[in-house]
Protein backbone atom coordinates (compact mmCIF):
# COMPACT_ATOMS: atom_id res chain seq x y z
CA MET A 1 67.53 98.74 9.05
CA LYS A 2 69.85 96.13 9.87
CA ARG A 3 73.36 98.12 9.47
CA LEU A 4 71.86 101.08 11.12
CA LEU A 5 70.95 98.27 14.12
CA ARG A 6 74.07 97.39 14.59
CA MET A 7 75.11 101.17 14.86
CA LEU A 8 73.16 101.85 17.81
CA LYS A 9 74.28 98.25 19.60
CA LEU A 10 77.68 99.39 18.85
CA LYS A 11 77.47 103.14 20.45
CA GLU A 12 75.42 100.76 23.41
CA GLU A 13 78.49 98.26 23.60
CA SER A 14 80.94 101.63 23.68
CA GLY A 15 78.97 103.14 26.18
CA ALA A 16 79.43 100.27 28.54
CA ALA A 17 83.14 100.07 28.24
CA LEU A 18 83.43 103.86 28.94
CA VAL A 19 81.71 102.91 32.31
CA ILE A 20 83.91 99.97 32.81
CA VAL A 21 86.79 101.92 32.32
CA ALA A 22 86.00 104.62 34.61
CA ILE A 23 85.08 101.99 37.68
CA SER A 24 88.41 99.99 36.88
CA MET A 25 90.26 103.05 37.24
CA VAL A 26 89.01 104.51 40.44
CA ALA A 27 89.42 101.14 41.36
CA LEU A 28 92.98 100.99 40.35
CA LEU A 29 93.83 104.14 41.80
CA GLY A 30 92.12 102.76 45.20
CA PHE A 31 94.58 99.93 44.95
CA THR A 32 97.86 102.07 44.38
CA ALA A 33 96.28 104.81 47.10
CA LEU A 34 96.67 101.89 49.30
CA THR A 35 99.75 100.39 48.47
CA ILE A 36 101.41 103.51 48.16
CA ASP A 37 100.15 105.41 51.47
CA GLY A 38 99.63 102.37 53.25
CA GLY A 39 103.15 101.79 52.76
CA ARG A 40 104.19 104.80 54.08
CA LEU A 41 101.76 104.94 56.99
CA TYR A 42 103.83 101.54 57.91
CA SER A 43 106.97 102.75 57.41
CA GLU A 44 106.06 106.25 59.64
CA LYS A 45 104.55 103.68 62.45
CA SER A 46 107.69 101.60 62.31
CA LYS A 47 110.08 104.61 62.62
CA LEU A 48 107.70 106.39 65.52
CA GLN A 49 107.55 102.72 67.34
CA LYS A 50 111.37 102.46 67.24
CA ALA A 51 112.04 105.51 68.43
CA LEU A 52 109.85 105.51 71.26
CA ASP A 53 111.63 102.25 72.52
CA ALA A 54 114.61 103.93 72.48
CA ALA A 55 113.97 106.70 74.04
CA VAL A 56 112.43 104.89 76.84
CA LEU A 57 114.81 101.99 77.29
CA ALA A 58 117.02 105.16 77.13
CA GLY A 59 115.24 107.38 79.59
CA ALA A 60 114.45 104.13 82.92
CA GLN A 61 118.27 104.34 83.12
CA GLY A 62 118.42 108.11 84.29
CA ILE A 63 115.49 107.06 87.15
CA ARG A 64 118.09 106.40 89.41
CA THR A 65 119.01 109.84 89.00
CA ASN A 66 115.77 111.64 89.02
CA GLU A 67 112.65 111.49 87.01
CA ASN A 68 114.00 114.85 85.07
CA GLN A 69 117.02 113.48 84.34
CA ALA A 70 115.57 110.13 82.88
CA LYS A 71 112.76 112.54 80.88
CA THR A 72 115.88 114.70 79.80
CA ILE A 73 117.42 111.38 78.57
CA ALA A 74 114.05 110.18 76.81
CA ARG A 75 113.67 113.58 74.84
CA GLU A 76 117.18 113.45 73.64
CA VAL A 77 117.33 109.81 72.64
CA SER A 78 113.71 110.66 71.01
CA GLN A 79 114.56 113.85 68.72
CA LYS A 80 117.99 112.44 67.66
CA ASN A 81 115.43 109.52 65.97
CA GLY A 82 112.74 112.68 64.38
CA TYR A 83 110.64 112.75 66.65
CA SER A 84 109.70 115.65 69.69
CA LEU A 85 108.30 114.55 72.46
CA THR A 86 107.64 117.91 74.31
CA LYS A 87 104.20 117.87 75.66
CA ASN A 88 103.95 117.08 79.36
CA GLU A 89 101.33 114.10 78.66
CA GLU A 90 103.84 112.53 75.64
CA LEU A 91 106.10 111.38 78.43
CA THR A 92 105.55 110.20 82.19
CA VAL A 93 107.37 108.62 85.10
CA VAL A 94 105.69 106.22 87.29
CA GLY A 95 107.80 104.75 89.98
CA ASN A 96 110.43 102.57 88.18
CA GLU A 97 108.19 103.24 84.96
CA ILE A 98 108.96 105.95 82.04
CA LYS A 99 106.44 105.61 79.34
CA ALA A 100 105.86 107.64 76.03
CA GLU A 101 103.07 108.46 74.00
CA LYS A 102 103.03 110.05 70.24
CA GLU A 103 100.62 110.70 67.65
CA VAL A 104 102.16 112.02 64.28
CA SER A 105 100.00 113.32 61.47
CA VAL A 106 101.24 111.58 57.79
CA GLN A 107 100.72 113.19 54.44
CA LEU A 108 99.30 111.15 52.17
CA THR A 109 99.27 111.41 48.14
CA PHE A 110 97.38 109.04 45.97
CA ALA A 111 94.37 109.16 48.95
CA LYS A 112 93.61 112.70 48.60
CA ALA A 113 91.75 111.45 45.21
CA LEU A 114 89.92 109.82 47.25
CA GLY A 115 89.33 112.53 49.69
CA MET A 116 91.97 111.46 52.37
CA SER A 117 95.41 114.37 52.89
CA GLU A 118 96.16 113.04 55.93
CA THR A 119 95.85 110.57 58.60
CA ILE A 120 97.22 110.61 62.31
CA VAL A 121 99.79 107.86 62.73
CA SER A 122 100.43 106.78 67.06
CA ALA A 123 102.15 104.99 69.15
CA LYS A 124 103.07 104.14 72.70
CA ALA A 125 106.00 102.59 74.68
CA LYS A 126 107.21 101.68 78.25
CA ALA A 127 110.10 100.12 80.02
CA ARG A 128 110.55 99.21 83.95
CA LEU A 129 113.54 99.31 85.84
CA GLU A 130 114.42 96.36 87.50
CA PRO A 131 117.05 94.34 89.61
CA ILE A 132 119.39 91.74 87.28
CA LYS A 133 119.36 88.47 88.78
CA LYS A 134 122.15 87.11 86.11
CA ALA A 135 125.04 89.14 84.11
CA ASP A 136 128.06 89.51 82.59
CA GLY A 137 131.22 91.19 83.14
CA ILE A 138 130.64 90.90 87.03
CA THR A 139 133.90 91.39 88.60
CA PRO A 140 135.05 88.62 90.93
CA ILE A 141 134.87 90.44 94.69
CA ALA A 142 132.32 90.17 97.05
CA ILE A 143 131.06 92.40 99.80
CA GLN A 144 128.68 92.15 102.54
CA ILE A 145 125.13 93.67 102.16
CA SER A 146 126.03 95.31 105.85
CA ASP A 147 129.06 97.43 103.84
CA VAL A 148 126.64 98.09 100.80
CA PRO A 149 126.75 101.41 100.46
CA ASN A 150 128.81 102.88 102.34
CA LYS A 151 131.96 101.15 102.66
CA THR A 152 134.76 102.26 100.66
CA ILE A 153 137.19 99.68 100.88
CA ILE A 154 135.85 97.43 99.30
CA ASN A 155 138.38 94.48 99.94
CA CYS A 156 139.83 93.33 103.09
CA GLY A 157 141.82 96.74 103.62
CA ASP A 158 140.44 96.88 107.16
CA LYS A 159 139.78 93.39 107.71
CA ASN A 160 136.50 92.74 107.04
CA PRO A 161 136.17 90.17 104.27
CA GLY A 162 137.51 86.87 105.66
CA GLU A 163 138.90 88.74 108.82
CA ASN A 164 142.01 86.24 110.33
CA HIS A 165 140.74 83.38 108.06
CA GLY A 166 142.93 84.46 104.47
CA ASN A 167 140.20 85.40 102.45
CA CYS A 168 140.01 89.03 100.97
CA GLY A 169 136.68 89.33 99.40
CA TYR A 170 137.63 88.05 96.22
CA LEU A 171 136.21 84.97 94.18
CA ARG A 172 137.46 81.51 92.84
CA ILE A 173 138.10 81.35 89.13
CA ASP A 174 137.65 78.20 87.27
CA GLY A 175 141.43 77.74 86.54
CA SER A 176 144.07 78.37 89.41
CA GLY A 177 146.64 81.16 90.40
CA ALA A 178 146.36 84.79 90.84
CA LYS A 179 146.69 85.23 86.90
CA ASP A 180 143.08 84.61 86.34
CA LEU A 181 141.91 86.45 89.25
CA GLY A 182 143.28 89.15 87.76
CA GLU A 183 142.43 88.93 83.88
CA ALA A 184 138.70 88.07 85.34
CA ILE A 185 138.93 91.34 87.54
CA LYS A 186 140.01 93.15 83.94
CA ASN A 187 136.77 91.39 81.74
CA GLY A 188 134.55 90.11 84.35
CA LEU A 189 132.64 86.79 84.81
CA THR A 190 129.24 85.41 84.97
CA TYR A 191 127.01 85.38 87.80
CA GLU A 192 123.72 84.29 88.89
CA ILE A 193 121.86 85.03 92.36
CA GLY A 194 121.24 82.36 94.21
CA GLN A 195 124.01 80.22 92.77
CA PRO A 196 126.92 79.50 95.43
CA VAL A 197 130.79 80.18 93.97
CA SER A 198 133.61 79.68 95.78
CA THR A 199 135.95 81.56 97.47
CA GLU A 200 139.95 82.81 96.44
CA PRO A 201 142.24 83.15 99.36
CA GLY A 202 145.04 85.75 99.60
CA HIS A 203 145.42 88.96 99.01
CA ASN A 204 146.83 88.39 95.47
CA THR A 205 148.45 91.47 95.16
CA GLY A 206 150.32 91.54 91.91
CA GLN A 207 147.95 90.65 89.73
CA VAL A 208 144.50 92.48 91.42
CA GLY A 209 147.23 95.66 91.19
CA ASP A 210 148.20 95.46 87.97
CA ALA A 211 144.16 94.78 87.13
CA ILE A 212 143.20 97.91 89.01
CA GLU A 213 145.63 99.80 87.34
CA PHE A 214 144.82 98.91 84.02
CA LEU A 215 141.04 99.68 84.70
CA ILE A 216 141.63 103.62 85.55
CA LYS A 217 144.27 103.69 82.55
CA SER A 218 141.67 102.38 80.00
CA ASP A 219 139.55 105.35 80.93
CA GLU A 220 142.10 108.25 81.07
CA SER A 221 141.12 109.85 78.02
CA LYS A 222 137.54 110.04 79.41
CA SER A 223 136.70 112.65 81.36
CA TYR A 224 133.84 111.61 83.02
CA CYS A 225 135.15 108.91 84.15
CA ARG A 226 137.33 110.49 86.67
CA SER A 227 134.78 110.95 89.29
CA ALA A 228 132.23 108.78 90.72
CA SER A 229 129.15 111.37 90.25
CA THR A 230 129.72 111.40 86.39
CA ALA A 231 131.43 107.79 85.59
CA ASN A 232 128.89 105.42 83.47
CA ASN A 233 128.99 101.91 82.85
CA SER A 234 131.04 102.57 79.83
CA CYS A 235 134.01 103.35 82.49
CA LYS A 236 136.34 100.39 83.14
CA ARG A 237 136.51 101.63 86.92
CA VAL A 238 132.90 101.03 87.23
CA ILE A 239 132.91 97.44 87.89
CA ASN A 240 129.76 94.98 89.33
CA ILE A 241 130.49 93.05 92.17
CA VAL A 242 128.63 90.19 94.13
CA VAL A 243 126.89 91.11 97.23
CA ILE A 244 126.43 88.55 99.84
CA GLU A 245 125.10 87.64 103.38
CA THR A 246 128.20 88.21 105.48
CA TRP A 247 132.04 86.69 105.39
CA GLU A 248 131.47 85.55 108.84
CA GLY A 249 132.29 82.00 109.43
CA ILE A 250 133.89 81.85 105.73
CA ASN A 251 137.71 80.71 105.71
CA GLY A 252 139.86 79.42 102.84
CA GLN A 253 137.89 78.29 99.70
CA LYS A 254 134.74 78.26 101.00
CA PRO A 255 130.64 78.52 99.08
CA VAL A 256 129.14 81.80 99.38
CA THR A 257 125.87 82.78 97.74
CA PRO A 258 125.39 85.80 95.72
CA ILE A 259 122.30 87.78 97.01
CA GLY A 260 122.66 90.74 94.53
CA PHE A 261 125.21 92.70 92.64
CA ALA A 262 126.36 96.34 93.48
CA SER A 263 127.95 98.82 91.54
CA TYR A 264 131.16 100.64 92.55
CA TRP A 265 133.52 103.68 90.87
CA ILE A 266 137.05 102.31 91.29
CA ASP A 267 139.21 105.20 92.65
CA LYS A 268 142.62 103.71 93.80
CA TYR A 269 144.53 100.17 94.72
CA GLU A 270 146.90 101.43 97.06
CA ASP A 271 148.70 99.12 100.26
CA LYS A 272 146.80 96.21 99.29
CA LYS A 273 143.27 98.19 99.69
CA LEU A 274 140.72 98.63 97.35
CA TYR A 275 139.23 102.40 97.72
CA GLY A 276 135.85 102.30 95.60
CA GLU A 277 132.75 104.50 95.90
CA PHE A 278 128.98 102.74 95.51
CA ILE A 279 127.16 104.03 92.58
CA LYS A 280 123.60 103.51 91.09
CA MET A 281 124.10 101.88 88.02
CA VAL A 282 122.01 100.22 85.25
CA SER A 283 123.28 97.77 82.94
CA PRO A 284 122.66 94.78 80.47
CA GLY A 285 121.90 91.41 82.08
CA GLU A 286 118.73 89.13 82.72
CA ILE A 287 115.95 90.70 84.93
CA GLY A 288 114.98 89.23 87.89
CA SER A 289 112.68 89.77 90.79
CA SER A 290 113.26 92.32 93.88
CA THR A 291 116.47 91.28 95.86
CA GLU A 292 117.73 91.65 99.78
CA ILE A 293 119.76 94.98 98.64
CA GLY A 294 116.46 96.69 96.83
CA GLU A 295 117.66 99.87 95.57
CA TYR A 296 121.08 99.20 96.15
CA ASN A 297 121.07 96.63 93.81
CA LEU A 298 122.31 96.49 90.54
CA HIS A 299 119.83 97.40 87.98
CA GLY A 300 118.79 96.45 84.27
CA VAL A 301 115.88 98.13 81.69
CA ARG A 302 113.09 96.25 79.67
CA LEU A 303 110.36 96.91 77.57
CA VAL A 304 106.89 96.02 79.08
CA GLU A 305 104.45 97.70 76.63
């Protein structure tokens, strides 16, 4: 009798163990699904977000041309990163902002055992185009606001900057002599709106001419750099210069205050004249509030969502 009871008790414990094992397997499967499929969802979300961020940052640069250009650039960049923005509602441009939204379906593996075969991952990004208030790579040439955007000789060649006072539109460098000015034209310097700088008198013809020739020759292999209509900020002959209120009353080494920056495509330097054409440009720099030259100011892009 005791032997029989012992056998029955063993069977009861074995049944309980089977139930515990079954529950544990379900829990283990759930944790596996959470780990594997959860990691897949996180990875897909991260890739999608990065693709949209890159798309709107690139697309915002096209806003200065027109809305269609901004959208075209954004779609191209998104496509290169593995996601198509084909629907109208996925990509919108309003004013100086461009926004992208995208949903993608992600197939699940282990979660299928729990009745989930797929799920939706979504992301959105928005970038805004805003004036730059501080930037590196600014060419030490100043132009007065009344000459933006129409003037095509941007130094003293047509007797505007520093007329009768020795200035030719150049800004003084930390150091001395035309050599420093020439090197700064090649490489640019850091300037900030509202922070006064001094002028550099004289034509400085030799060094300025050599520096401009260097910039133009650096773009010989880039056909798009040969025209203001197709050039971009990868072209050496596209320079960003300082905008000031006026040259009136400025003589010798006098302080002037930047009120903005403007971009110019350099055509040539001839007979002491620097010929260029204004272009709307987007460039890296510290974003600020709107400036006195509004849409003509050099702009930058930042993510706002």
